[in-house]
C-alpha atoms as a PDB file:
ATOM      1  CA  MET A   1     -54.700  -2.045 -30.644  1.00  0.00           C
ATOM      2  CA  THR A   2     -52.408  -3.497 -27.954  1.00  0.00           C
ATOM      3  CA  GLN A   3     -52.531  -1.421 -25.136  1.00  0.00           C
ATOM      4  CA  PRO A   4     -49.288   0.661 -24.145  1.00  0.00           C
ATOM      5  CA  VAL A   5     -47.312  -0.760 -21.324  1.00  0.00           C
ATOM      6  CA  ARG A   6     -46.624   1.573 -18.488  1.00  0.00           C
ATOM      7  CA  ILE A   7     -43.297   1.968 -16.664  1.00  0.00           C
ATOM      8  CA  TRP A   8     -42.784   4.852 -13.545  1.00  0.00           C
ATOM      9  CA  PHE A   9     -39.781   5.904 -12.200  1.00  0.00           C
ATOM     10  CA  ASN A  10     -39.536   7.950  -8.891  1.00  0.00           C
ATOM     11  CA  ARG A  11     -36.401  10.428  -9.343  1.00  0.00           C
ATOM     12  CA  GLY A  12     -33.345   9.229 -10.549  1.00  0.00           C
ATOM     13  CA  PHE A  13     -30.536  10.085 -12.189  1.00  0.00           C
ATOM     14  CA  SER A  14     -31.075  10.972 -16.073  1.00  0.00           C
ATOM     15  CA  LEU A  15     -34.222   9.811 -15.914  1.00  0.00           C
ATOM     16  CA  ALA A  16     -35.665  11.879 -18.808  1.00  0.00           C
ATOM     17  CA  PRO A  17     -33.019  10.382 -21.158  1.00  0.00           C
ATOM     18  CA  ILE A  18     -33.554   7.133 -19.994  1.00  0.00           C
ATOM     19  CA  ALA A  19     -36.958   7.480 -20.694  1.00  0.00           C
ATOM     20  CA  ALA A  20     -36.357   8.922 -24.458  1.00  0.00           C
ATOM     21  CA  LEU A  21     -34.566   5.955 -25.026  1.00  0.00           C
ATOM     22  CA  MET A  22     -36.632   3.603 -23.830  1.00  0.00           C
ATOM     23  CA  ARG A  23     -39.583   4.782 -25.860  1.00  0.00           C
ATOM     24  CA  ALA A  24     -36.954   4.902 -29.003  1.00  0.00           C
ATOM     25  CA  ALA A  25     -36.389   1.205 -28.336  1.00  0.00           C
ATOM     26  CA  ASP A  26     -40.440   0.070 -27.720  1.00  0.00           C
ATOM     27  CA  ALA A  27     -42.856   2.593 -29.489  1.00  0.00           C
ATOM     28  CA  SER A  28     -45.356   0.641 -27.057  1.00  0.00           C
ATOM     29  CA  LEU A  29     -44.207   2.223 -24.090  1.00  0.00           C
ATOM     30  CA  ASP A  30     -45.130   4.770 -21.656  1.00  0.00           C
ATOM     31  CA  VAL A  31     -42.858   5.765 -19.465  1.00  0.00           C
ATOM     32  CA  TYR A  32     -43.564   8.203 -16.657  1.00  0.00           C
ATOM     33  CA  VAL A  33     -41.176  10.038 -13.912  1.00  0.00           C
ATOM     34  CA  SER A  34     -41.489  11.720 -11.006  1.00  0.00           C
ATOM     35  CA  VAL A  35     -39.274  14.119  -9.873  1.00  0.00           C
ATOM     36  CA  SER A  36     -38.462  16.769  -6.580  1.00  0.00           C
ATOM     37  CA  PRO A  37     -40.014  19.968  -6.592  1.00  0.00           C
ATOM     38  CA  MET A  38     -37.286  22.038  -8.168  1.00  0.00           C
ATOM     39  CA  SER A  39     -36.373  19.625 -10.954  1.00  0.00           C
ATOM     40  CA  ALA A  40     -36.546  21.085 -14.515  1.00  0.00           C
ATOM     41  CA  HIS A  41     -38.763  19.182 -16.615  1.00  0.00           C
ATOM     42  CA  TYR A  42     -36.993  17.695 -20.017  1.00  0.00           C
ATOM     43  CA  PRO A  43     -38.143  16.183 -22.819  1.00  0.00           C
ATOM     44  CA  GLY A  44     -38.106  11.921 -22.817  1.00  0.00           C
ATOM     45  CA  PRO A  45     -40.535  11.036 -20.584  1.00  0.00           C
ATOM     46  CA  THR A  46     -44.520  10.481 -21.372  1.00  0.00           C
ATOM     47  CA  ALA A  47     -44.970  12.899 -18.421  1.00  0.00           C
ATOM     48  CA  THR A  48     -43.371  13.983 -15.621  1.00  0.00           C
ATOM     49  CA  TRP A  49     -44.532  15.014 -12.443  1.00  0.00           C
ATOM     50  CA  ILE A  50     -43.897  16.261  -8.818  1.00  0.00           C
ATOM     51  CA  ASP A  51     -42.721  13.276  -6.604  1.00  0.00           C
ATOM     52  CA  GLY A  52     -45.095  13.123  -4.038  1.00  0.00           C
ATOM     53  CA  GLY A  53     -47.778  15.555  -5.203  1.00  0.00           C
ATOM     54  CA  ALA A  54     -48.100  18.569  -7.206  1.00  0.00           C
ATOM     55  CA  ASP A  55     -48.458  21.364  -4.895  1.00  0.00           C
ATOM     56  CA  GLY A  56     -44.617  22.578  -5.478  1.00  0.00           C
ATOM     57  CA  ALA A  57     -43.313  21.087  -2.359  1.00  0.00           C
ATOM     58  CA  ASP A  58     -42.791  17.901  -1.159  1.00  0.00           C
ATOM     59  CA  GLY A  59     -45.297  17.496   0.460  1.00  0.00           C
ATOM     60  CA  ALA A  60     -46.821  13.762   0.855  1.00  0.00           C
ATOM     61  CA  ALA A  61     -43.311  12.911   0.501  1.00  0.00           C
ATOM     62  CA  ASP A  62     -42.253  13.549   3.894  1.00  0.00           C
ATOM     63  CA  ASP A  63     -45.508  11.611   5.592  1.00  0.00           C
ATOM     64  CA  PRO A  64     -45.133   7.526   4.704  1.00  0.00           C
ATOM     65  CA  ALA A  65     -48.659   7.001   4.700  1.00  0.00           C
ATOM     66  CA  ALA A  66     -49.629   9.703   2.749  1.00  0.00           C
ATOM     67  CA  TYR A  67     -46.997   8.981   0.106  1.00  0.00           C
ATOM     68  CA  LEU A  68     -48.287   5.610  -0.311  1.00  0.00           C
ATOM     69  CA  ASP A  69     -51.985   7.127  -0.866  1.00  0.00           C
ATOM     70  CA  TRP A  70     -50.131   9.358  -3.646  1.00  0.00           C
ATOM     71  CA  VAL A  71     -48.230   6.347  -4.905  1.00  0.00           C
ATOM     72  CA  ARG A  72     -51.445   3.853  -5.268  1.00  0.00           C
ATOM     73  CA  ASP A  73     -53.849   7.022  -6.725  1.00  0.00           C
ATOM     74  CA  ILE A  74     -50.842   7.637  -9.450  1.00  0.00           C
ATOM     75  CA  ILE A  75     -50.642   3.977 -10.351  1.00  0.00           C
ATOM     76  CA  ASP A  76     -54.777   3.574 -10.593  1.00  0.00           C
ATOM     77  CA  ARG A  77     -55.443   6.608 -12.529  1.00  0.00           C
ATOM     78  CA  HIS A  78     -52.464   5.803 -14.857  1.00  0.00           C
ATOM     79  CA  ALA A  79     -52.958   1.672 -15.199  1.00  0.00           C
ATOM     80  CA  VAL A  80     -49.105   2.176 -14.472  1.00  0.00           C
ATOM     81  CA  ASP A  81     -47.644  -1.538 -15.152  1.00  0.00           C
ATOM     82  CA  ILE A  82     -44.198  -1.398 -13.510  1.00  0.00           C
ATOM     83  CA  PHE A  83     -43.110   0.697 -10.930  1.00  0.00           C
ATOM     84  CA  VAL A  84     -39.502   1.315 -10.437  1.00  0.00           C
ATOM     85  CA  PRO A  85     -38.906   3.302  -7.530  1.00  0.00           C
ATOM     86  CA  THR A  86     -35.489   4.958  -6.546  1.00  0.00           C
ATOM     87  CA  ARG A  87     -36.439   6.681  -3.394  1.00  0.00           C
ATOM     88  CA  ARG A  88     -38.292   5.218  -0.459  1.00  0.00           C
ATOM     89  CA  ARG A  89     -37.641   1.397  -1.747  1.00  0.00           C
ATOM     90  CA  LYS A  90     -38.139  -0.063   1.940  1.00  0.00           C
ATOM     91  CA  LEU A  91     -41.566   1.469   2.370  1.00  0.00           C
ATOM     92  CA  ILE A  92     -42.628   0.479  -1.219  1.00  0.00           C
ATOM     93  CA  ALA A  93     -41.446  -3.087  -1.305  1.00  0.00           C
ATOM     94  CA  ALA A  94     -43.453  -3.774   1.931  1.00  0.00           C
ATOM     95  CA  THR A  95     -46.747  -2.646   1.071  1.00  0.00           C
ATOM     96  CA  ASP A  96     -48.906  -4.479  -1.360  1.00  0.00           C
ATOM     97  CA  LEU A  97     -49.329  -1.979  -4.888  1.00  0.00           C
ATOM     98  CA  PRO A  98     -51.688  -2.652  -7.628  1.00  0.00           C
ATOM     99  CA  CYS A  99     -48.782  -3.354  -9.908  1.00  0.00           C
ATOM    100  CA  ARG A 100     -45.165  -4.468 -10.133  1.00  0.00           C
ATOM    101  CA  VAL A 101     -42.311  -3.056  -8.382  1.00  0.00           C
ATOM    102  CA  HIS A 102     -38.745  -3.579  -9.494  1.00  0.00           C
ATOM    103  CA  LEU A 103     -35.929  -3.599  -7.182  1.00  0.00           C
ATOM    104  CA  PRO A 104     -32.517  -3.641  -8.012  1.00  0.00           C
ATOM    105  CA  ALA A 105     -31.641  -6.117  -5.137  1.00  0.00           C
ATOM    106  CA  ALA A 106     -33.516  -7.505  -2.069  1.00  0.00           C
ATOM    107  CA  VAL A 107     -34.136  -4.544   0.355  1.00  0.00           C
ATOM    108  CA  PRO A 108     -31.724  -5.776   2.928  1.00  0.00           C
ATOM    109  CA  THR A 109     -28.934  -5.875   0.153  1.00  0.00           C
ATOM    110  CA  LEU A 110     -29.820  -2.384  -1.029  1.00  0.00           C
ATOM    111  CA  GLU A 111     -29.860  -0.932   2.719  1.00  0.00           C
ATOM    112  CA  LEU A 112     -26.059  -2.762   2.589  1.00  0.00           C
ATOM    113  CA  LEU A 113     -24.850  -0.991  -0.192  1.00  0.00           C
ATOM    114  CA  ASP A 114     -26.044   2.115   0.908  1.00  0.00           C
ATOM    115  CA  ASP A 115     -24.277   1.931   3.727  1.00  0.00           C
ATOM    116  CA  LYS A 116     -20.680   2.501   2.544  1.00  0.00           C
ATOM    117  CA  TYR A 117     -18.911   1.276   5.977  1.00  0.00           C
ATOM    118  CA  ALA A 118     -21.014  -1.949   5.991  1.00  0.00           C
ATOM    119  CA  PHE A 119     -20.288  -2.645   2.195  1.00  0.00           C
ATOM    120  CA  ALA A 120     -16.489  -2.372   2.220  1.00  0.00           C
ATOM    121  CA  ALA A 121     -16.310  -4.416   5.776  1.00  0.00           C
ATOM    122  CA  ALA A 122     -18.903  -6.816   3.555  1.00  0.00           C
ATOM    123  CA  LEU A 123     -15.716  -6.968   0.997  1.00  0.00           C
ATOM    124  CA  ALA A 124     -12.811  -8.101   3.327  1.00  0.00           C
ATOM    125  CA  GLY A 125     -10.569 -10.833   1.916  1.00  0.00           C
ATOM    126  CA  GLU A 126     -11.196  -9.488  -1.395  1.00  0.00           C
ATOM    127  CA  ASP A 127      -8.432  -8.124  -3.404  1.00  0.00           C
ATOM    128  CA  TYR A 128     -10.436  -5.552  -5.081  1.00  0.00           C
ATOM    129  CA  HIS A 129     -11.463  -4.297  -1.195  1.00  0.00           C
ATOM    130  CA  LEU A 130     -10.760  -0.765  -0.275  1.00  0.00           C
ATOM    131  CA  PRO A 131     -10.154  -0.281   3.557  1.00  0.00           C
ATOM    132  CA  THR A 132     -12.338   1.926   5.103  1.00  0.00           C
ATOM    133  CA  HIS A 133     -12.470   3.350   8.392  1.00  0.00           C
ATOM    134  CA  LEU A 134     -15.789   4.263  10.354  1.00  0.00           C
ATOM    135  CA  VAL A 135     -15.397   8.059  11.276  1.00  0.00           C
ATOM    136  CA  ARG A 136     -17.902   8.910  14.357  1.00  0.00           C
ATOM    137  CA  GLY A 137     -16.706  12.530  15.217  1.00  0.00           C
ATOM    138  CA  SER A 138     -13.803  14.645  15.637  1.00  0.00           C
ATOM    139  CA  ASP A 139     -11.636  12.694  17.997  1.00  0.00           C
ATOM    140  CA  ASP A 140     -11.685   9.580  15.305  1.00  0.00           C
ATOM    141  CA  LEU A 141     -10.847  11.326  12.678  1.00  0.00           C
ATOM    142  CA  ALA A 142      -8.140  13.096  14.407  1.00  0.00           C
ATOM    143  CA  ALA A 143      -6.444   8.968  15.774  1.00  0.00           C
ATOM    144  CA  LEU A 144      -7.005   8.125  12.399  1.00  0.00           C
ATOM    145  CA  LEU A 145      -5.022  11.414  10.697  1.00  0.00           C
ATOM    146  CA  ALA A 146      -2.648  10.988  13.869  1.00  0.00           C
ATOM    147  CA  ASP A 147      -1.878   7.561  12.359  1.00  0.00           C
ATOM    148  CA  TRP A 148      -1.587   8.079   8.756  1.00  0.00           C
ATOM    149  CA  PRO A 149       1.098   7.968   6.738  1.00  0.00           C
ATOM    150  CA  ASP A 150       3.036  11.464   5.786  1.00  0.00           C
ATOM    151  CA  MET A 151       0.564  13.046   3.713  1.00  0.00           C
ATOM    152  CA  ALA A 152       3.447  15.392   2.396  1.00  0.00           C
ATOM    153  CA  ASP A 153       4.466  12.902   0.489  1.00  0.00           C
ATOM    154  CA  GLY A 154       1.945  14.380  -2.676  1.00  0.00           C
ATOM    155  CA  ASP A 155      -2.136  13.754  -3.189  1.00  0.00           C
ATOM    156  CA  ASP A 156      -1.720   9.990  -3.672  1.00  0.00           C
ATOM    157  CA  ALA A 157      -0.628   9.674   0.273  1.00  0.00           C
ATOM    158  CA  ALA A 158      -3.370  11.699   1.032  1.00  0.00           C
ATOM    159  CA  PRO A 159      -6.910  10.313   2.781  1.00  0.00           C
ATOM    160  CA  CYS A 160     -10.422  11.194   1.366  1.00  0.00           C
ATOM    161  CA  VAL A 161     -13.786  11.279   3.463  1.00  0.00           C
ATOM    162  CA  LYS A 162     -16.897  11.044   2.279  1.00  0.00           C
ATOM    163  CA  PRO A 163     -20.615  10.562   3.999  1.00  0.00           C
ATOM    164  CA  ARG A 164     -21.605   6.796   5.481  1.00  0.00           C
ATOM    165  CA  GLN A 165     -24.648   7.486   3.373  1.00  0.00           C
ATOM    166  CA  GLY A 166     -24.792   9.593   0.312  1.00  0.00           C
ATOM    167  CA  VAL A 167     -24.701   9.851  -3.193  1.00  0.00           C
ATOM    168  CA  ASN A 168     -23.252  11.395  -6.028  1.00  0.00           C
ATOM    169  CA  GLY A 169     -20.102  12.563  -4.306  1.00  0.00           C
ATOM    170  CA  LEU A 170     -21.813  15.039  -1.883  1.00  0.00           C
ATOM    171  CA  GLY A 171     -19.549  15.216   0.854  1.00  0.00           C
ATOM    172  CA  PHE A 172     -16.608  14.390  -0.589  1.00  0.00           C
ATOM    173  CA  TRP A 173     -13.404  15.709   0.178  1.00  0.00           C
ATOM    174  CA  ARG A 174      -9.387  14.798  -0.115  1.00  0.00           C
ATOM    175  CA  LEU A 175      -7.363  15.903   3.222  1.00  0.00           C
ATOM    176  CA  ALA A 176      -4.148  17.095   1.834  1.00  0.00           C
ATOM    177  CA  ASP A 177      -1.128  19.251   2.406  1.00  0.00           C
ATOM    178  CA  VAL A 178      -2.715  22.450  -0.131  1.00  0.00           C
ATOM    179  CA  SER A 179      -2.972  25.928   0.546  1.00  0.00           C
ATOM    180  CA  PRO A 180      -4.643  27.191   3.202  1.00  0.00           C
ATOM    181  CA  MET A 181      -7.404  28.567   0.610  1.00  0.00           C
ATOM    182  CA  ALA A 182      -7.273  25.736  -1.853  1.00  0.00           C
ATOM    183  CA  HIS A 183     -11.129  24.641  -0.929  1.00  0.00           C
ATOM    184  CA  LEU A 184     -12.307  28.041  -1.336  1.00  0.00           C
ATOM    185  CA  GLN A 185     -10.009  29.085  -4.618  1.00  0.00           C
ATOM    186  CA  ASP A 186     -10.758  25.694  -6.293  1.00  0.00           C
ATOM    187  CA  SER A 187     -13.410  23.661  -4.909  1.00  0.00           C
ATOM    188  CA  GLU A 188     -14.087  21.732  -7.647  1.00  0.00           C
ATOM    189  CA  ARG A 189     -10.477  19.890  -7.268  1.00  0.00           C
ATOM    190  CA  ARG A 190     -12.016  18.916  -3.679  1.00  0.00           C
ATOM    191  CA  ARG A 191      -9.229  19.260  -1.633  1.00  0.00           C
ATOM    192  CA  ILE A 192      -8.935  20.936   2.086  1.00  0.00           C
ATOM    193  CA  ARG A 193      -6.286  20.988   4.623  1.00  0.00           C
ATOM    194  CA  PRO A 194      -6.713  18.226   7.139  1.00  0.00           C
ATOM    195  CA  ASP A 195      -6.266  20.424   9.967  1.00  0.00           C
ATOM    196  CA  HIS A 196      -9.473  22.855   8.248  1.00  0.00           C
ATOM    197  CA  TYR A 197     -11.680  20.118   7.994  1.00  0.00           C
ATOM    198  CA  LEU A 198     -11.428  18.659  11.576  1.00  0.00           C
ATOM    199  CA  ALA A 199     -11.374  22.469  12.877  1.00  0.00           C
ATOM    200  CA  ALA A 200     -15.049  22.468  10.637  1.00  0.00           C
ATOM    201  CA  LEU A 201     -15.974  18.744  11.998  1.00  0.00           C
ATOM    202  CA  ARG A 202     -15.544  19.941  15.783  1.00  0.00           C
ATOM    203  CA  ASP A 203     -17.031  23.373  15.016  1.00  0.00           C
ATOM    204  CA  GLN A 204     -20.372  21.404  13.313  1.00  0.00           C
ATOM    205  CA  GLU A 205     -20.119  19.017  16.364  1.00  0.00           C
ATOM    206  CA  GLN A 206     -20.671  21.992  18.932  1.00  0.00           C
ATOM    207  CA  ARG A 207     -23.960  22.846  16.607  1.00  0.00           C
ATOM    208  CA  GLY A 208     -25.268  19.507  17.259  1.00  0.00           C
ATOM    209  CA  PRO A 209     -24.661  15.872  15.982  1.00  0.00           C
ATOM    210  CA  ILE A 210     -22.633  15.392  13.041  1.00  0.00           C
ATOM    211  CA  ASP A 211     -23.393  12.445  10.276  1.00  0.00           C
ATOM    212  CA  GLU A 212     -20.926   9.440  10.258  1.00  0.00           C
ATOM    213  CA  ILE A 213     -18.101   9.452   7.723  1.00  0.00           C
ATOM    214  CA  VAL A 214     -15.925   6.992   6.100  1.00  0.00           C
ATOM    215  CA  ALA A 215     -12.164   7.573   5.359  1.00  0.00           C
ATOM    216  CA  MET A 216     -10.384   5.670   2.960  1.00  0.00           C
ATOM    217  CA  ALA A 217      -6.545   6.112   0.677  1.00  0.00           C
ATOM    218  CA  TYR A 218      -7.421   8.317  -2.039  1.00  0.00           C
ATOM    219  CA  LEU A 219      -6.730   6.561  -5.272  1.00  0.00           C
ATOM    220  CA  PRO A 220      -5.341   7.920  -8.212  1.00  0.00           C
ATOM    221  CA  GLY A 221      -6.937   6.423 -10.991  1.00  0.00           C
ATOM    222  CA  PRO A 222      -8.060   6.183 -13.620  1.00  0.00           C
ATOM    223  CA  GLU A 223     -12.002   5.369 -12.645  1.00  0.00           C
ATOM    224  CA  ILE A 224     -14.119   2.882 -14.444  1.00  0.00           C
ATOM    225  CA  SER A 225     -17.881   3.311 -13.961  1.00  0.00           C
ATOM    226  CA  PHE A 226     -19.541   0.041 -15.150  1.00  0.00           C
ATOM    227  CA  ASP A 227     -22.899   0.010 -16.260  1.00  0.00           C
ATOM    228  CA  ILE A 228     -24.725  -3.538 -15.818  1.00  0.00           C
ATOM    229  CA  LEU A 229     -27.512  -5.148 -17.164  1.00  0.00           C
ATOM    230  CA  ALA A 230     -28.573  -8.215 -14.548  1.00  0.00           C
ATOM    231  CA  ASP A 231     -30.993 -10.786 -13.986  1.00  0.00           C
ATOM    232  CA  ALA A 232     -31.454 -12.275 -10.736  1.00  0.00           C
ATOM    233  CA  GLY A 233     -27.442 -11.962 -10.224  1.00  0.00           C
ATOM    234  CA  GLN A 234     -26.547 -13.368 -13.807  1.00  0.00           C
ATOM    235  CA  LEU A 235     -24.524 -10.378 -15.765  1.00  0.00           C
ATOM    236  CA  LEU A 236     -25.799  -9.870 -19.235  1.00  0.00           C
ATOM    237  CA  LYS A 237     -23.906  -7.216 -20.443  1.00  0.00           C
ATOM    238  CA  TYR A 238     -22.431  -4.396 -19.520  1.00  0.00           C
ATOM    239  CA  ALA A 239     -19.971  -0.788 -20.555  1.00  0.00           C
ATOM    240  CA  ALA A 240     -17.309  -0.043 -18.808  1.00  0.00           C
ATOM    241  CA  ARG A 241     -16.724   3.659 -19.159  1.00  0.00           C
ATOM    242  CA  THR A 242     -13.338   4.943 -18.454  1.00  0.00           C
ATOM    243  CA  LYS A 243     -13.106   8.650 -17.052  1.00  0.00           C
ATOM    244  CA  LEU A 244     -10.305  10.248 -18.989  1.00  0.00           C
ATOM    245  CA  GLY A 245     -10.865  14.202 -17.625  1.00  0.00           C
ATOM    246  CA  THR A 246     -12.717  16.628 -18.049  1.00  0.00           C
ATOM    247  CA  ALA A 247     -15.687  15.538 -21.110  1.00  0.00           C
ATOM    248  CA  ARG A 248     -13.967  12.520 -22.310  1.00  0.00           C
ATOM    249  CA  GLN A 249     -14.585   8.832 -21.491  1.00  0.00           C
ATOM    250  CA  HIS A 250     -12.913   5.268 -23.127  1.00  0.00           C
ATOM    251  CA  ILE A 251     -16.150   3.036 -23.722  1.00  0.00           C
ATOM    252  CA  VAL A 252     -15.713  -1.350 -24.023  1.00  0.00           C
ATOM    253  CA  THR A 253     -17.887  -3.717 -24.022  1.00  0.00           C
ATOM    254  CA  ARG A 254     -14.698  -6.259 -23.109  1.00  0.00           C
ATOM    255  CA  HIS A 255     -12.955  -5.864 -19.823  1.00  0.00           C
ATOM    256  CA  PRO A 256     -10.213  -7.385 -18.245  1.00  0.00           C
ATOM    257  CA  LEU A 257     -12.361  -6.826 -15.066  1.00  0.00           C
ATOM    258  CA  GLU A 258     -15.360  -8.856 -16.080  1.00  0.00           C
ATOM    259  CA  PRO A 259     -14.815 -11.892 -14.419  1.00  0.00           C
ATOM    260  CA  VAL A 260     -15.024  -9.655 -10.994  1.00  0.00           C
ATOM    261  CA  VAL A 261     -17.767  -7.755 -12.336  1.00  0.00           C
ATOM    262  CA  ALA A 262     -19.742 -10.890 -12.559  1.00  0.00           C
ATOM    263  CA  ALA A 263     -18.951 -11.981  -9.494  1.00  0.00           C
ATOM    264  CA  ILE A 264     -20.269  -9.283  -7.242  1.00  0.00           C
ATOM    265  CA  VAL A 265     -23.436  -9.278  -9.678  1.00  0.00           C
ATOM    266  CA  ASP A 266     -23.769 -12.743  -8.814  1.00  0.00           C
ATOM    267  CA  ARG A 267     -22.793 -11.919  -4.780  1.00  0.00           C
ATOM    268  CA  PHE A 268     -25.307  -9.188  -4.075  1.00  0.00           C
ATOM    269  CA  THR A 269     -27.745 -10.766  -6.983  1.00  0.00           C
ATOM    270  CA  LEU A 270     -28.143  -7.562  -8.651  1.00  0.00           C
ATOM    271  CA  HIS A 271     -30.930  -7.300 -10.697  1.00  0.00           C
ATOM    272  CA  GLY A 272     -31.762  -4.948 -13.963  1.00  0.00           C
ATOM    273  CA  LEU A 273     -29.815  -2.142 -14.565  1.00  0.00           C
ATOM    274  CA  VAL A 274     -27.347  -0.555 -11.966  1.00  0.00           C
ATOM    275  CA  ASN A 275     -23.637   0.817 -11.768  1.00  0.00           C
ATOM    276  CA  ALA A 276     -20.392  -0.065  -9.781  1.00  0.00           C
ATOM    277  CA  GLN A 277     -17.430   1.768  -9.472  1.00  0.00           C
ATOM    278  CA  PHE A 278     -13.627   1.035  -9.708  1.00  0.00           C
ATOM    279  CA  ARG A 279     -10.668   3.092  -9.382  1.00  0.00           C
ATOM    280  CA  ARG A 280      -6.948   2.040  -9.978  1.00  0.00           C
ATOM    281  CA  ALA A 281      -4.755   2.002  -6.593  1.00  0.00           C
ATOM    282  CA  VAL A 282      -1.005   3.262  -6.166  1.00  0.00           C
ATOM    283  CA  ASP A 283      -0.056  -0.188  -6.401  1.00  0.00           C
ATOM    284  CA  GLY A 284      -2.218  -0.611 -10.079  1.00  0.00           C
ATOM    285  CA  THR A 285      -4.754  -3.035  -8.438  1.00  0.00           C
ATOM    286  CA  TRP A 286      -8.375  -2.150  -8.966  1.00  0.00           C
ATOM    287  CA  LYS A 287     -10.550  -1.421  -6.299  1.00  0.00           C
ATOM    288  CA  LEU A 288     -14.417  -1.585  -6.033  1.00  0.00           C
ATOM    289  CA  LEU A 289     -15.642   1.603  -4.739  1.00  0.00           C
ATOM    290  CA  GLU A 290     -19.348   1.230  -4.552  1.00  0.00           C
ATOM    291  CA  ILE A 291     -22.406  -0.424  -6.313  1.00  0.00           C
ATOM    292  CA  ASN A 292     -25.278   2.005  -7.595  1.00  0.00           C
ATOM    293  CA  ALA A 293     -28.329  -0.098  -6.838  1.00  0.00           C
ATOM    294  CA  ARG A 294     -29.841   2.102  -9.915  1.00  0.00           C
ATOM    295  CA  PRO A 295     -28.997   3.149 -13.576  1.00  0.00           C
ATOM    296  CA  ALA A 296     -25.577   5.896 -13.660  1.00  0.00           C
ATOM    297  CA  GLY A 297     -26.656   9.346 -15.151  1.00  0.00           C
ATOM    298  CA  GLY A 298     -23.777   7.912 -17.579  1.00  0.00           C
ATOM    299  CA  VAL A 299     -25.312   4.885 -18.940  1.00  0.00           C
ATOM    300  CA  VAL A 300     -26.851   7.186 -21.892  1.00  0.00           C
ATOM    301  CA  TYR A 301     -23.634   8.015 -23.047  1.00  0.00           C
ATOM    302  CA  ALA A 302     -23.463   3.937 -23.326  1.00  0.00           C
ATOM    303  CA  ASP A 303     -26.078   3.442 -25.366  1.00  0.00           C
ATOM    304  CA  GLN A 304     -25.449   6.600 -27.755  1.00  0.00           C
ATOM    305  CA  VAL A 305     -22.855   4.596 -29.111  1.00  0.00           C
ATOM    306  CA  GLY A 306     -24.838   1.215 -29.308  1.00  0.00           C
ATOM    307  CA  CYS A 307     -24.579  -0.956 -26.215  1.00  0.00           C
ATOM    308  CA  GLY A 308     -28.186  -0.897 -25.991  1.00  0.00           C
ATOM    309  CA  LEU A 309     -28.134  -1.441 -22.134  1.00  0.00           C
ATOM    310  CA  VAL A 310     -30.977   0.971 -21.760  1.00  0.00           C
ATOM    311  CA  ALA A 311     -33.270  -0.266 -24.450  1.00  0.00           C
ATOM    312  CA  ASP A 312     -32.853  -3.950 -23.335  1.00  0.00           C
ATOM    313  CA  TRP A 313     -33.223  -3.333 -19.875  1.00  0.00           C
ATOM    314  CA  ALA A 314     -36.881  -1.851 -21.064  1.00  0.00           C
ATOM    315  CA  GLY A 315     -37.586  -5.183 -23.017  1.00  0.00           C
ATOM    316  CA  LEU A 316     -36.737  -7.290 -19.517  1.00  0.00           C
ATOM    317  CA  LEU A 317     -38.957  -5.459 -18.025  1.00  0.00           C
ATOM    318  CA  THR A 318     -42.179  -5.400 -20.171  1.00  0.00           C
ATOM    319  CA  GLY A 319     -41.024  -9.023 -21.327  1.00  0.00           C
ATOM    320  CA  ARG A 320     -40.549  -8.620 -25.166  1.00  0.00           C
ATOM    321  CA  LEU A 321     -36.689  -9.376 -24.369  1.00  0.00           C
ATOM    322  CA  SER A 322     -35.406 -12.257 -22.279  1.00  0.00           C
ATOM    323  CA  ALA A 323     -31.983 -13.001 -20.634  1.00  0.00           C
ATOM    324  CA  ALA A 324     -31.142 -15.725 -23.263  1.00  0.00           C
ATOM    325  CA  THR A 325     -31.803 -13.151 -26.167  1.00  0.00           C
ATOM    326  CA  ILE A 326     -29.869 -10.359 -24.776  1.00  0.00           C
ATOM    327  CA  ASP A 327     -26.748  -9.285 -27.189  1.00  0.00           C
ATOM    328  CA  ARG A 328     -23.713  -8.433 -26.203  1.00  0.00           C
ATOM    329  CA  PRO A 329     -22.010  -5.912 -29.199  1.00  0.00           C
ATOM    330  CA  ALA A 330     -18.350  -5.042 -29.609  1.00  0.00           C
ATOM    331  CA  ILE A 331     -17.789  -1.830 -28.871  1.00  0.00           C
ATOM    332  CA  ASP A 332     -14.483   0.195 -27.892  1.00  0.00           C
ATOM    333  CA  THR A 333     -14.401   3.500 -28.656  1.00  0.00           C
ATOM    334  CA  GLU A 334     -14.321   7.188 -27.215  1.00  0.00           C
ATOM    335  CA  VAL A 335     -16.475  10.039 -26.202  1.00  0.00           C
ATOM    336  CA  ALA A 336     -16.383  13.444 -25.894  1.00  0.00           C
ATOM    337  CA  PHE A 337     -19.172  15.974 -24.261  1.00  0.00           C
ATOM    338  CA  SER A 338     -19.791  19.137 -25.034  1.00  0.00           C
ATOM    339  CA  THR A 339     -22.480  22.079 -23.405  1.00  0.00           C
ATOM    340  CA  VAL A 340     -26.121  22.269 -25.236  1.00  0.00           C
ATOM    341  CA  VAL A 341     -28.141  25.190 -24.131  1.00  0.00           C
ATOM    342  CA  ARG A 342     -31.926  24.475 -24.273  1.00  0.00           C
ATOM    343  CA  PRO A 343     -35.098  26.029 -22.867  1.00  0.00           C
ATOM    344  CA  VAL A 344     -36.838  23.601 -20.522  1.00  0.00           C
ATOM    345  CA  ALA A 345     -40.384  23.674 -18.538  1.00  0.00           C
ATOM    346  CA  ALA A 346     -39.991  25.010 -15.486  1.00  0.00           C
END
């Protein structure tokens, strides 16, 4: 009997449904995930562990040497064949482990992609470049705002800010001429008066160092999320998901931005299943917001309508498929989401 191939993911987004899609595509796969101590354990993976140890706290995850000892123990105890890390990639890449380690790019490239200011600077001169300003403190932001176009012209004229390094939209705010209570009464719209944000920044500086921020023009959209399957810098297939509003997306596998996507895949030698975010500017051009060197959580929506990105990624990881055997289905459809309530393991 053929031994199952065992794949392990340490943290990430939508790992439970990604694991379920992989296992549905290949019954010989065991797919394990490790999650934060506060995360629920959903059906889908073969097993789910606490990342860094089972003591209910980060524990070893905070100590590099202890974390590597835990990683080696997990690989040995569960006979892991392929390790797909999302966190502590640099540490893991520099370590000799008894299994194959899959990374979506070289470590220097991963560090560049995680740095929103350096990433934007690297794209200067490209049509899809989004000019981005570095804000090291409140004085920098005050000077930038003093020279910014009149924000009373509406949301589309306002800047936005976000942490220089961060994921999942954390810390994103639009600085706009809105009600003084807007950020409290309707926080999901992520709008705050510039003077209130600046005052909060100055207050935080009095309490200790702040993390660097980047500022750029707010783009009206729409926003397109490209789920990309690549092989050593070659674009194999993708799904472009245009966000239409609350709980709706338009998904296609052929899009006019394909040459741009192929170019960035080649430029950064992307590998595996990754994601790129574009948004349309006021002048109608598309700007590249970021490249996420990991699967986006929404990739599962694309696979639900037949794109096969997760399934084919699993095939590439295990050798069941090659770059030459990846098919590109023609899909043009719209999906909507609804909320489902179900119990989960603690």
